[in-house]
Each structure stands twice: as C-alpha cells, then as structure tokens.
C-alpha cells in the first residue's frame, strides 16, 4: 500500500514515521508513506497557498489550484483521495478495514480557517476523526494512517486486531498481567483457571458489560 499525505507542515510527521510499529512496517516495505508539502505546487510568485475569503470573514482559506495540481500529480487509476475535515464522515473501525484493502490513498490536511469549497469536487471522500476542531489535518492523517497500517498483513499478528475494540460492535474485554495481586487488586480467578471455555465466556461477558456501561450506542 502507498499513502501520500498532502500537508503544509511536513516536519510534524518525523516522529510518526520513525518510531514503533509504523517504522517497522515502512522498513519491511509493507507500506510506503510519502509526505508532500503542497506549497511547492502553487503558481503564486510569493508561494502563497491561501487567501482571504470572498464575502469577508476572518482567517485565511486554502486555494484550490495548489491542491488540484498536487492531486493530479500523485493520483493513479486506483487512488482514493480523502479530505480531512471536521464535517466529514466519522471515522470508524469498519472504515479502517475497508481502507486497508486499497492500494493507494491520498490524504489532504486542511489548515487555517478552511478551504475553498471547490476542493470538495477533487476528492472521493471526506473524513472526520471526531466532533471537535483541530488546528489542521496533520494529526487526523496520522490517526487514520495508523489505524489502516496496523491492519495490513505482516504488520501485527492478525489475532491481535481481530479482538480490538469496536469489532463486532463491542469494546474490548479487560486484560491483566503479572503480578496476580497488586495493592489489594486481584486478577479474576477465571483467568488463572486454565479453563479456556470459561475464559472465553468471561471475556465475552465482560466485553458486553463494558460496552453497555460506556458505549451503549454501539449496541443499537
């Protein structure tokens, strides 16, 4: 898989691409992540990529031309172009699984007050990572890339993500490790029993209980 990220702040991705599981996936050539400063695509003699909004108002608005040229330069026949915006479709685990099957994704990081509405005509999909507003789309692009990359074959053990929260519309069950008791807090006896059937039943029960308490909307 290849992921191209269009941003005005490429330095923000240094740590993301050079640590932990993401770095290993890149080193193993499971995924190719490329960061592009779309300022280089502007035709403005002063390297501007934004301007004041027509009709007045505060802030600066990203212009359509630099992003249009950047997308056309990178896009292939099998490319999915995604705009990261607070009014996009909420990102869900099911979407991460679907996107992990794609060959090429372009993620566009918005910034400033917003973007020229005509940019929406250049993309296949608009995604939001939550009902809040950030300074830009860089952090959402990392969140979405991380969620996708960890699902690619060879990145982590498949059984690890099959038991993730939100699979089967449930939150994950509680897990424990050594020591058996810490400051009066004990590991449930069933997990020490060696009875795999009872352990499985316990985990399903706890996952359902936790979902009912914390995210009952997932069960609707």
C-alpha atoms as a PDB file:
ATOM      1  CA  UNK A   1       0.000   0.000   0.000  1.00  0.00           C
ATOM      2  CA  UNK A   2       1.027   3.581  -0.632  1.00  0.00           C
ATOM      3  CA  UNK A   3      -0.187   6.573   1.378  1.00  0.00           C
ATOM      4  CA  UNK A   4       0.520  10.106   0.153  1.00  0.00           C
ATOM      5  CA  UNK A   5      -0.145  12.897   2.637  1.00  0.00           C
ATOM      6  CA  UNK A   6      -0.522  16.488   1.435  1.00  0.00           C
ATOM      7  CA  UNK A   7       0.414  18.993   4.137  1.00  0.00           C
ATOM      8  CA  UNK A   8       1.955  22.412   4.743  1.00  0.00           C
ATOM      9  CA  UNK A   9       3.883  21.136   7.765  1.00  0.00           C
ATOM     10  CA  UNK A  10       5.880  18.035   6.768  1.00  0.00           C
ATOM     11  CA  UNK A  11       8.078  18.246   9.863  1.00  0.00           C
ATOM     12  CA  UNK A  12       5.147  17.186  12.025  1.00  0.00           C
ATOM     13  CA  UNK A  13       5.441  13.647  10.630  1.00  0.00           C
ATOM     14  CA  UNK A  14       9.065  12.974  11.606  1.00  0.00           C
ATOM     15  CA  UNK A  15       8.282  11.147  14.836  1.00  0.00           C
ATOM     16  CA  UNK A  16       5.245   9.380  13.433  1.00  0.00           C
ATOM     17  CA  UNK A  17       7.218   7.799  10.590  1.00  0.00           C
ATOM     18  CA  UNK A  18      10.339   6.959  12.568  1.00  0.00           C
ATOM     19  CA  UNK A  19       9.060   5.182  15.654  1.00  0.00           C
ATOM     20  CA  UNK A  20       7.473   1.898  16.681  1.00  0.00           C
ATOM     21  CA  UNK A  21       5.157  -0.211  14.514  1.00  0.00           C
ATOM     22  CA  UNK A  22       4.783   2.340  11.710  1.00  0.00           C
ATOM     23  CA  UNK A  23       8.545   2.499  11.180  1.00  0.00           C
ATOM     24  CA  UNK A  24       8.802  -1.297  11.121  1.00  0.00           C
ATOM     25  CA  UNK A  25       6.002  -1.525   8.555  1.00  0.00           C
ATOM     26  CA  UNK A  26       7.803   1.005   6.362  1.00  0.00           C
ATOM     27  CA  UNK A  27      11.168  -0.747   6.786  1.00  0.00           C
ATOM     28  CA  UNK A  28       9.564  -4.065   5.806  1.00  0.00           C
ATOM     29  CA  UNK A  29       8.114  -2.345   2.723  1.00  0.00           C
ATOM     30  CA  UNK A  30       4.583  -3.291   3.692  1.00  0.00           C
ATOM     31  CA  UNK A  31       3.568   0.340   3.295  1.00  0.00           C
ATOM     32  CA  UNK A  32       5.082   3.327   1.535  1.00  0.00           C
ATOM     33  CA  UNK A  33       4.193   6.609   3.244  1.00  0.00           C
ATOM     34  CA  UNK A  34       5.200   9.816   1.477  1.00  0.00           C
ATOM     35  CA  UNK A  35       4.791  13.331   2.837  1.00  0.00           C
ATOM     36  CA  UNK A  36       4.331  16.184   0.354  1.00  0.00           C
ATOM     37  CA  UNK A  37       4.459  19.903   1.063  1.00  0.00           C
ATOM     38  CA  UNK A  38       1.779  21.088  -1.357  1.00  0.00           C
ATOM     39  CA  UNK A  39       3.142  24.612  -1.183  1.00  0.00           C
ATOM     40  CA  UNK A  40       5.560  23.556  -3.921  1.00  0.00           C
ATOM     41  CA  UNK A  41       2.609  23.228  -6.302  1.00  0.00           C
ATOM     42  CA  UNK A  42       1.448  26.823  -6.009  1.00  0.00           C
ATOM     43  CA  UNK A  43       1.704  29.080  -9.033  1.00  0.00           C
ATOM     44  CA  UNK A  44       1.742  32.189  -6.867  1.00  0.00           C
ATOM     45  CA  UNK A  45       5.072  34.075  -7.191  1.00  0.00           C
ATOM     46  CA  UNK A  46       5.151  34.535  -3.410  1.00  0.00           C
ATOM     47  CA  UNK A  47       4.465  30.848  -2.686  1.00  0.00           C
ATOM     48  CA  UNK A  48       1.029  31.596  -1.252  1.00  0.00           C
ATOM     49  CA  UNK A  49      -1.405  28.708  -0.897  1.00  0.00           C
ATOM     50  CA  UNK A  50      -4.166  30.644   0.882  1.00  0.00           C
ATOM     51  CA  UNK A  51      -6.022  33.942   0.621  1.00  0.00           C
ATOM     52  CA  UNK A  52      -8.799  35.934   2.252  1.00  0.00           C
ATOM     53  CA  UNK A  53     -12.363  34.631   1.798  1.00  0.00           C
ATOM     54  CA  UNK A  54     -14.697  36.173  -0.743  1.00  0.00           C
ATOM     55  CA  UNK A  55     -17.560  37.926   1.028  1.00  0.00           C
ATOM     56  CA  UNK A  56     -15.401  38.796   4.002  1.00  0.00           C
ATOM     57  CA  UNK A  57     -14.749  36.984   7.247  1.00  0.00           C
ATOM     58  CA  UNK A  58     -11.830  36.075   9.476  1.00  0.00           C
ATOM     59  CA  UNK A  59      -8.903  33.836   8.683  1.00  0.00           C
ATOM     60  CA  UNK A  60      -7.325  32.561   5.514  1.00  0.00           C
ATOM     61  CA  UNK A  61      -8.711  29.978   3.093  1.00  0.00           C
ATOM     62  CA  UNK A  62      -6.708  27.338   1.211  1.00  0.00           C
ATOM     63  CA  UNK A  63      -6.792  27.901  -2.539  1.00  0.00           C
ATOM     64  CA  UNK A  64      -7.944  25.220  -4.948  1.00  0.00           C
ATOM     65  CA  UNK A  65      -5.111  25.397  -7.501  1.00  0.00           C
ATOM     66  CA  UNK A  66      -2.182  24.024  -5.419  1.00  0.00           C
ATOM     67  CA  UNK A  67      -4.185  21.040  -4.200  1.00  0.00           C
ATOM     68  CA  UNK A  68      -5.664  20.352  -7.626  1.00  0.00           C
ATOM     69  CA  UNK A  69      -2.204  20.200  -9.174  1.00  0.00           C
ATOM     70  CA  UNK A  70      -0.823  18.110  -6.299  1.00  0.00           C
ATOM     71  CA  UNK A  71      -3.627  15.561  -6.589  1.00  0.00           C
ATOM     72  CA  UNK A  72      -3.256  15.331 -10.363  1.00  0.00           C
ATOM     73  CA  UNK A  73       0.489  14.786  -9.971  1.00  0.00           C
ATOM     74  CA  UNK A  74       0.066  11.914  -7.495  1.00  0.00           C
ATOM     75  CA  UNK A  75      -3.231  10.319  -8.466  1.00  0.00           C
ATOM     76  CA  UNK A  76      -3.418   6.974 -10.263  1.00  0.00           C
ATOM     77  CA  UNK A  77      -6.308   4.893 -11.563  1.00  0.00           C
ATOM     78  CA  UNK A  78      -6.649   3.055  -8.241  1.00  0.00           C
ATOM     79  CA  UNK A  79      -6.293   6.087  -5.944  1.00  0.00           C
ATOM     80  CA  UNK A  80      -8.768   7.081  -3.232  1.00  0.00           C
ATOM     81  CA  UNK A  81      -8.497  10.814  -2.440  1.00  0.00           C
ATOM     82  CA  UNK A  82      -9.619  11.760   1.079  1.00  0.00           C
ATOM     83  CA  UNK A  83     -10.114  15.213   2.555  1.00  0.00           C
ATOM     84  CA  UNK A  84      -9.748  15.531   6.331  1.00  0.00           C
ATOM     85  CA  UNK A  85     -12.350  17.942   7.654  1.00  0.00           C
ATOM     86  CA  UNK A  86     -14.494  18.307  10.806  1.00  0.00           C
ATOM     87  CA  UNK A  87     -17.685  17.994   8.735  1.00  0.00           C
ATOM     88  CA  UNK A  88     -16.657  14.726   7.097  1.00  0.00           C
ATOM     89  CA  UNK A  89     -17.986  11.227   7.739  1.00  0.00           C
ATOM     90  CA  UNK A  90     -16.979   9.986  11.229  1.00  0.00           C
ATOM     91  CA  UNK A  91     -14.034   7.595  11.013  1.00  0.00           C
ATOM     92  CA  UNK A  92     -14.864   4.087  12.265  1.00  0.00           C
ATOM     93  CA  UNK A  93     -13.007   0.796  12.628  1.00  0.00           C
ATOM     94  CA  UNK A  94     -15.025  -0.698   9.766  1.00  0.00           C
ATOM     95  CA  UNK A  95     -13.701   2.078   7.523  1.00  0.00           C
ATOM     96  CA  UNK A  96     -10.142   1.275   8.577  1.00  0.00           C
ATOM     97  CA  UNK A  97     -10.638  -2.341   7.458  1.00  0.00           C
ATOM     98  CA  UNK A  98     -12.094  -1.226   4.119  1.00  0.00           C
ATOM     99  CA  UNK A  99      -9.294   1.279   3.513  1.00  0.00           C
ATOM    100  CA  UNK A 100      -6.640  -1.308   4.386  1.00  0.00           C
ATOM    101  CA  UNK A 101      -7.713  -3.166   1.235  1.00  0.00           C
ATOM    102  CA  UNK A 102      -6.898  -0.190  -1.006  1.00  0.00           C
ATOM    103  CA  UNK A 103      -3.661   0.138  -2.962  1.00  0.00           C
ATOM    104  CA  UNK A 104      -3.228   3.915  -2.902  1.00  0.00           C
ATOM    105  CA  UNK A 105      -4.624   6.668  -0.666  1.00  0.00           C
ATOM    106  CA  UNK A 106      -4.091  10.424  -0.760  1.00  0.00           C
ATOM    107  CA  UNK A 107      -4.878  12.252   2.494  1.00  0.00           C
ATOM    108  CA  UNK A 108      -5.319  16.026   2.348  1.00  0.00           C
ATOM    109  CA  UNK A 109      -4.584  18.010   5.501  1.00  0.00           C
ATOM    110  CA  UNK A 110      -6.602  21.191   5.736  1.00  0.00           C
ATOM    111  CA  UNK A 111      -5.351  24.212   7.656  1.00  0.00           C
ATOM    112  CA  UNK A 112      -6.088  27.820   8.543  1.00  0.00           C
ATOM    113  CA  UNK A 113      -9.740  28.907   8.525  1.00  0.00           C
ATOM    114  CA  UNK A 114     -10.754  26.320   5.956  1.00  0.00           C
ATOM    115  CA  UNK A 115     -10.501  25.530   2.265  1.00  0.00           C
ATOM    116  CA  UNK A 116     -12.064  26.669  -0.973  1.00  0.00           C
ATOM    117  CA  UNK A 117     -15.352  24.791  -1.347  1.00  0.00           C
ATOM    118  CA  UNK A 118     -14.339  23.690  -4.867  1.00  0.00           C
ATOM    119  CA  UNK A 119     -11.689  21.422  -3.327  1.00  0.00           C
ATOM    120  CA  UNK A 120     -14.520  19.087  -2.332  1.00  0.00           C
ATOM    121  CA  UNK A 121     -15.019  18.360  -6.042  1.00  0.00           C
ATOM    122  CA  UNK A 122     -11.487  16.932  -6.248  1.00  0.00           C
ATOM    123  CA  UNK A 123     -11.890  14.216  -3.590  1.00  0.00           C
ATOM    124  CA  UNK A 124     -13.654  10.868  -3.279  1.00  0.00           C
ATOM    125  CA  UNK A 125     -14.410  11.087   0.423  1.00  0.00           C
ATOM    126  CA  UNK A 126     -14.376  13.451   3.416  1.00  0.00           C
ATOM    127  CA  UNK A 127     -13.490  12.103   6.861  1.00  0.00           C
ATOM    128  CA  UNK A 128     -13.611  13.463  10.406  1.00  0.00           C
ATOM    129  CA  UNK A 129     -11.998  11.826  13.443  1.00  0.00           C
ATOM    130  CA  UNK A 130     -14.417  13.424  15.909  1.00  0.00           C
ATOM    131  CA  UNK A 131     -16.744  16.255  16.796  1.00  0.00           C
ATOM    132  CA  UNK A 132     -14.040  18.785  17.540  1.00  0.00           C
ATOM    133  CA  UNK A 133     -11.827  21.190  15.621  1.00  0.00           C
ATOM    134  CA  UNK A 134      -8.024  20.987  15.398  1.00  0.00           C
ATOM    135  CA  UNK A 135      -5.506  23.465  14.009  1.00  0.00           C
ATOM    136  CA  UNK A 136      -5.036  21.283  10.953  1.00  0.00           C
ATOM    137  CA  UNK A 137      -5.432  17.864   9.383  1.00  0.00           C
ATOM    138  CA  UNK A 138      -1.962  16.577  10.221  1.00  0.00           C
ATOM    139  CA  UNK A 139      -2.934  14.768  13.423  1.00  0.00           C
ATOM    140  CA  UNK A 140      -6.068  13.222  11.838  1.00  0.00           C
ATOM    141  CA  UNK A 141      -3.963  11.996   8.908  1.00  0.00           C
ATOM    142  CA  UNK A 142      -1.630  10.250  11.347  1.00  0.00           C
ATOM    143  CA  UNK A 143      -4.548   8.733  13.256  1.00  0.00           C
ATOM    144  CA  UNK A 144      -6.134   7.364  10.087  1.00  0.00           C
ATOM    145  CA  UNK A 145      -2.821   6.125   8.675  1.00  0.00           C
ATOM    146  CA  UNK A 146      -2.008   4.361  11.946  1.00  0.00           C
ATOM    147  CA  UNK A 147      -5.427   2.698  12.076  1.00  0.00           C
ATOM    148  CA  UNK A 148      -5.005   1.446   8.500  1.00  0.00           C
ATOM    149  CA  UNK A 149      -1.348   0.388   8.599  1.00  0.00           C
ATOM    150  CA  UNK A 150      -1.706  -1.815  11.684  1.00  0.00           C
ATOM    151  CA  UNK A 151      -4.316  -3.869   9.781  1.00  0.00           C
ATOM    152  CA  UNK A 152      -2.039  -4.649   6.831  1.00  0.00           C
ATOM    153  CA  UNK A 153      -0.783  -8.210   6.579  1.00  0.00           C
ATOM    154  CA  UNK A 154       2.566  -8.634   8.297  1.00  0.00           C
ATOM    155  CA  UNK A 155       2.392  -5.516  10.474  1.00  0.00           C
ATOM    156  CA  UNK A 156       0.960  -7.077  13.643  1.00  0.00           C
ATOM    157  CA  UNK A 157      -0.418 -10.523  14.403  1.00  0.00           C
ATOM    158  CA  UNK A 158      -3.876 -10.835  12.845  1.00  0.00           C
ATOM    159  CA  UNK A 159      -5.391 -12.219  16.043  1.00  0.00           C
ATOM    160  CA  UNK A 160      -4.362  -9.040  17.843  1.00  0.00           C
ATOM    161  CA  UNK A 161      -6.577  -6.731  15.819  1.00  0.00           C
ATOM    162  CA  UNK A 162      -9.454  -9.202  15.472  1.00  0.00           C
ATOM    163  CA  UNK A 163     -10.062  -8.738  19.210  1.00  0.00           C
ATOM    164  CA  UNK A 164      -9.820  -4.943  19.096  1.00  0.00           C
ATOM    165  CA  UNK A 165     -12.474  -2.671  20.486  1.00  0.00           C
ATOM    166  CA  UNK A 166     -15.305  -1.931  18.011  1.00  0.00           C
ATOM    167  CA  UNK A 167     -15.012  -5.263  16.245  1.00  0.00           C
ATOM    168  CA  UNK A 168     -18.457  -6.914  16.442  1.00  0.00           C
ATOM    169  CA  UNK A 169     -19.719  -3.581  17.840  1.00  0.00           C
ATOM    170  CA  UNK A 170     -18.174  -4.267  21.247  1.00  0.00           C
ATOM    171  CA  UNK A 171     -15.453  -2.654  23.303  1.00  0.00           C
ATOM    172  CA  UNK A 172     -12.503  -4.864  24.189  1.00  0.00           C
ATOM    173  CA  UNK A 173     -12.579  -7.031  27.293  1.00  0.00           C
ATOM    174  CA  UNK A 174     -10.263  -6.223  30.266  1.00  0.00           C
ATOM    175  CA  UNK A 175      -6.807  -7.799  30.295  1.00  0.00           C
ATOM    176  CA  UNK A 176      -4.285  -8.435  33.090  1.00  0.00           C
ATOM    177  CA  UNK A 177      -0.668  -9.491  33.535  1.00  0.00           C
ATOM    178  CA  UNK A 178       1.739 -10.132  36.437  1.00  0.00           C
ATOM    179  CA  UNK A 179       1.602  -9.754  39.386  1.00  0.00           C
ATOM    180  CA  UNK A 180      -1.537 -11.650  40.363  1.00  0.00           C
ATOM    181  CA  UNK A 181      -2.243  -9.141  43.115  1.00  0.00           C
ATOM    182  CA  UNK A 182      -1.182  -5.519  43.423  1.00  0.00           C
ATOM    183  CA  UNK A 183      -2.180  -3.295  46.359  1.00  0.00           C
ATOM    184  CA  UNK A 184      -5.243  -5.434  47.008  1.00  0.00           C
ATOM    185  CA  UNK A 185      -6.308  -5.517  43.349  1.00  0.00           C
ATOM    186  CA  UNK A 186      -6.504  -9.119  42.149  1.00  0.00           C
ATOM    187  CA  UNK A 187      -6.615 -10.785  38.757  1.00  0.00           C
ATOM    188  CA  UNK A 188     -10.012 -12.532  38.311  1.00  0.00           C
ATOM    189  CA  UNK A 189      -9.764 -16.196  39.283  1.00  0.00           C
ATOM    190  CA  UNK A 190     -11.247 -17.397  35.996  1.00  0.00           C
ATOM    191  CA  UNK A 191      -8.202 -16.086  34.084  1.00  0.00           C
ATOM    192  CA  UNK A 192      -5.954 -18.269  36.247  1.00  0.00           C
ATOM    193  CA  UNK A 193      -8.126 -21.384  35.924  1.00  0.00           C
ATOM    194  CA  UNK A 194      -6.695 -22.723  32.679  1.00  0.00           C
ATOM    195  CA  UNK A 195     -10.264 -23.448  31.530  1.00  0.00           C
ATOM    196  CA  UNK A 196     -10.270 -21.856  28.069  1.00  0.00           C
ATOM    197  CA  UNK A 197     -14.013 -22.211  27.580  1.00  0.00           C
ATOM    198  CA  UNK A 198     -14.752 -20.350  30.814  1.00  0.00           C
ATOM    199  CA  UNK A 199     -12.137 -17.727  29.962  1.00  0.00           C
ATOM    200  CA  UNK A 200     -13.755 -17.128  26.583  1.00  0.00           C
ATOM    201  CA  UNK A 201     -17.197 -16.845  28.179  1.00  0.00           C
ATOM    202  CA  UNK A 202     -15.830 -14.424  30.771  1.00  0.00           C
ATOM    203  CA  UNK A 203     -14.233 -12.229  28.130  1.00  0.00           C
ATOM    204  CA  UNK A 204     -17.399 -12.089  26.021  1.00  0.00           C
ATOM    205  CA  UNK A 205     -19.444 -11.242  29.095  1.00  0.00           C
ATOM    206  CA  UNK A 206     -17.047  -8.508  30.199  1.00  0.00           C
ATOM    207  CA  UNK A 207     -16.884  -7.024  26.696  1.00  0.00           C
ATOM    208  CA  UNK A 208     -20.680  -6.812  26.586  1.00  0.00           C
ATOM    209  CA  UNK A 209     -20.831  -5.373  30.104  1.00  0.00           C
ATOM    210  CA  UNK A 210     -18.218  -2.716  29.336  1.00  0.00           C
ATOM    211  CA  UNK A 211     -19.961  -1.753  26.094  1.00  0.00           C
ATOM    212  CA  UNK A 212     -23.332  -1.404  27.835  1.00  0.00           C
ATOM    213  CA  UNK A 213     -21.771   0.826  30.501  1.00  0.00           C
ATOM    214  CA  UNK A 214     -19.550   3.005  28.340  1.00  0.00           C
ATOM    215  CA  UNK A 215     -20.856   2.906  24.757  1.00  0.00           C
ATOM    216  CA  UNK A 216     -24.439   1.641  24.669  1.00  0.00           C
ATOM    217  CA  UNK A 217     -24.840   3.352  21.294  1.00  0.00           C
ATOM    218  CA  UNK A 218     -22.681   0.605  19.757  1.00  0.00           C
ATOM    219  CA  UNK A 219     -25.334  -1.968  20.618  1.00  0.00           C
ATOM    220  CA  UNK A 220     -28.197  -0.112  18.916  1.00  0.00           C
END
